[in-house]
Amino acid sequence: MSLFKKLFGKKAAVELNDPFFGAITYDQGIWTFLPKKQEDGFMIGINAEEVGPSTQQGEFFTRLRSNLNHYERRAKDYIASREDCSVDVSQLGVYSVQIEDDAATKLEEFVLELSDNDAFVIHRVSFKQGQPVDYGF
């Protein structure tokens, strides 16, 4: 292997079968679950060290997932409440969940992304203390 490749070559992705998140891959500071089929669910991003997500992050995600319908409804209501909203929120479903580090999970901070079936536009709703606090797309 050349010196250039050793210094600047992309490192092989780290893979892990996590008890909370399933088969996840680590790259550039983020662990990611990518569903292979639509019925496998939605994408998950976890901000964690290379050793893997913490138990705290996993337990937080378990609670979040068990209440996902509630958070999805809250996110849709939050989007619809925007003054300039022209989005048909009835067409949106969960696209991804982003879990932050342990400090953020203590504050119940996470991002829920919603999209329609085409996923042309991704709507991002940030939550803090379980409440929607910010929206972007």
Protein backbone atom coordinates (compact mmCIF):
# COMPACT_ATOMS: atom_id res chain seq x y z
CA MET A 1 0.00 0.00 0.00
CA SER A 2 1.33 3.44 -0.89
CA LEU A 3 2.14 6.04 1.73
CA PHE A 4 -0.50 8.35 0.24
CA LYS A 5 -3.16 5.68 0.58
CA LYS A 6 -2.11 4.92 4.17
CA LEU A 7 -2.31 8.59 5.14
CA PHE A 8 -5.38 9.67 3.20
CA GLY A 9 -7.24 6.51 2.28
CA LYS A 10 -10.71 5.98 3.64
CA LYS A 11 -10.81 3.71 6.64
CA ALA A 12 -13.04 0.66 6.40
CA ALA A 13 -16.41 1.17 8.07
CA VAL A 14 -16.86 -0.36 11.50
CA GLU A 15 -19.92 -2.56 11.85
CA LEU A 16 -21.73 -3.60 15.01
CA ASN A 17 -24.84 -5.61 15.85
CA ASP A 18 -26.17 -3.43 18.66
CA PRO A 19 -28.84 -4.81 21.03
CA PHE A 20 -30.89 -1.58 20.78
CA PHE A 21 -30.27 -0.39 17.22
CA GLY A 22 -29.57 -3.58 15.29
CA ALA A 23 -26.96 -3.78 12.51
CA ILE A 24 -25.27 -0.37 12.51
CA THR A 25 -22.24 1.09 10.75
CA TYR A 26 -19.82 3.73 12.02
CA ASP A 27 -18.41 6.42 9.76
CA GLN A 28 -17.09 9.92 10.59
CA GLY A 29 -18.45 10.03 14.14
CA ILE A 30 -21.95 8.72 13.44
CA TRP A 31 -23.42 5.25 13.81
CA THR A 32 -26.10 4.59 11.21
CA PHE A 33 -28.85 2.04 10.72
CA LEU A 34 -30.01 1.91 7.10
CA PRO A 35 -33.11 -0.21 6.45
CA LYS A 36 -32.63 -2.64 3.58
CA LYS A 37 -36.38 -2.82 2.87
CA GLN A 38 -39.19 -0.39 3.65
CA GLU A 39 -40.66 -2.78 6.20
CA ASP A 40 -37.35 -2.71 8.11
CA GLY A 41 -38.31 0.73 9.40
CA PHE A 42 -36.53 4.03 9.11
CA MET A 43 -32.97 5.34 9.14
CA ILE A 44 -31.35 5.94 12.54
CA GLY A 45 -28.31 8.12 13.22
CA ILE A 46 -26.53 7.97 16.56
CA ASN A 47 -23.85 10.46 17.61
CA ALA A 48 -21.48 8.18 19.56
CA GLU A 49 -17.86 7.15 19.88
CA GLU A 50 -16.37 4.41 17.70
CA VAL A 51 -16.82 1.87 20.53
CA GLY A 52 -20.57 2.07 19.91
CA PRO A 53 -23.67 3.77 21.25
CA SER A 54 -24.03 3.94 25.02
CA THR A 55 -26.61 2.02 27.00
CA GLN A 56 -28.18 5.38 27.85
CA GLN A 57 -28.61 6.18 24.15
CA GLY A 58 -30.07 2.73 23.52
CA GLU A 59 -32.53 2.97 26.41
CA PHE A 60 -33.55 6.47 25.29
CA PHE A 61 -34.18 5.19 21.76
CA THR A 62 -36.25 2.28 23.12
CA ARG A 63 -38.50 4.74 24.99
CA LEU A 64 -38.67 7.03 21.96
CA ARG A 65 -39.55 4.16 19.62
CA SER A 66 -42.33 2.92 21.90
CA ASN A 67 -43.85 6.44 21.75
CA LEU A 68 -42.96 7.13 18.12
CA ASN A 69 -46.57 7.61 16.99
CA HIS A 70 -46.98 10.30 19.65
CA TYR A 71 -43.81 12.13 18.56
CA GLU A 72 -44.71 11.80 14.89
CA ARG A 73 -48.12 13.40 15.57
CA ARG A 74 -46.48 16.19 17.60
CA ALA A 75 -43.99 16.82 14.77
CA LYS A 76 -46.78 16.97 12.17
CA ASP A 77 -48.80 19.34 14.36
CA TYR A 78 -45.72 21.52 14.84
CA ILE A 79 -45.06 21.66 11.09
CA ALA A 80 -48.72 22.45 10.38
CA SER A 81 -48.69 25.24 12.98
CA ARG A 82 -46.05 27.20 11.08
CA GLU A 83 -47.52 30.40 9.60
CA ASP A 84 -46.19 29.74 6.12
CA CYS A 85 -46.98 26.02 6.11
CA SER A 86 -48.12 24.65 2.78
CA VAL A 87 -47.14 21.06 3.60
CA ASP A 88 -49.76 18.31 3.54
CA VAL A 89 -48.62 16.65 6.75
CA SER A 90 -51.04 13.75 6.20
CA GLN A 91 -48.64 12.55 3.49
CA LEU A 92 -45.61 12.50 5.79
CA GLY A 93 -44.15 9.54 7.66
CA VAL A 94 -41.02 8.90 9.70
CA TYR A 95 -37.90 9.06 7.54
CA SER A 96 -35.26 9.00 10.28
CA VAL A 97 -34.48 9.53 13.94
CA GLN A 98 -31.26 11.17 15.06
CA ILE A 99 -30.02 10.47 18.57
CA GLU A 100 -27.42 12.79 20.04
CA ASP A 101 -24.82 12.13 22.75
CA ASP A 102 -25.55 11.16 26.35
CA ALA A 103 -25.83 14.78 27.54
CA ALA A 104 -28.51 15.47 24.93
CA THR A 105 -30.43 12.27 25.66
CA LYS A 106 -30.65 13.33 29.34
CA LEU A 107 -32.45 16.45 28.05
CA GLU A 108 -34.61 14.30 25.73
CA GLU A 109 -33.13 16.03 22.69
CA PHE A 110 -33.45 14.32 19.32
CA VAL A 111 -34.41 15.06 15.72
CA LEU A 112 -37.31 13.41 13.94
CA GLU A 113 -37.24 13.62 10.16
CA LEU A 114 -40.41 13.14 8.12
CA SER A 115 -40.96 12.77 4.40
CA ASP A 116 -43.51 11.59 1.87
CA ASN A 117 -42.95 8.37 -0.09
CA ASP A 118 -40.69 10.11 -2.62
CA ALA A 119 -38.45 11.58 0.11
CA PHE A 120 -37.82 14.56 -2.14
CA VAL A 121 -38.08 16.96 0.80
CA ILE A 122 -37.05 15.92 4.30
CA HIS A 123 -38.76 17.82 7.12
CA ARG A 124 -36.69 18.04 10.34
CA VAL A 125 -38.29 18.66 13.71
CA SER A 126 -35.97 19.07 16.68
CA PHE A 127 -37.25 18.05 20.10
CA LYS A 128 -36.08 19.12 23.55
CA GLN A 129 -37.60 17.81 26.78
CA GLY A 130 -39.88 15.79 24.50
CA GLN A 131 -41.34 18.95 22.92
CA PRO A 132 -40.87 20.16 19.33
CA VAL A 133 -38.74 23.32 19.34
CA ASP A 134 -37.49 23.85 15.80
CA TYR A 135 -38.45 23.03 12.23
CA GLY A 136 -36.53 23.05 8.97
CA PHE A 137 -36.48 21.18 5.69
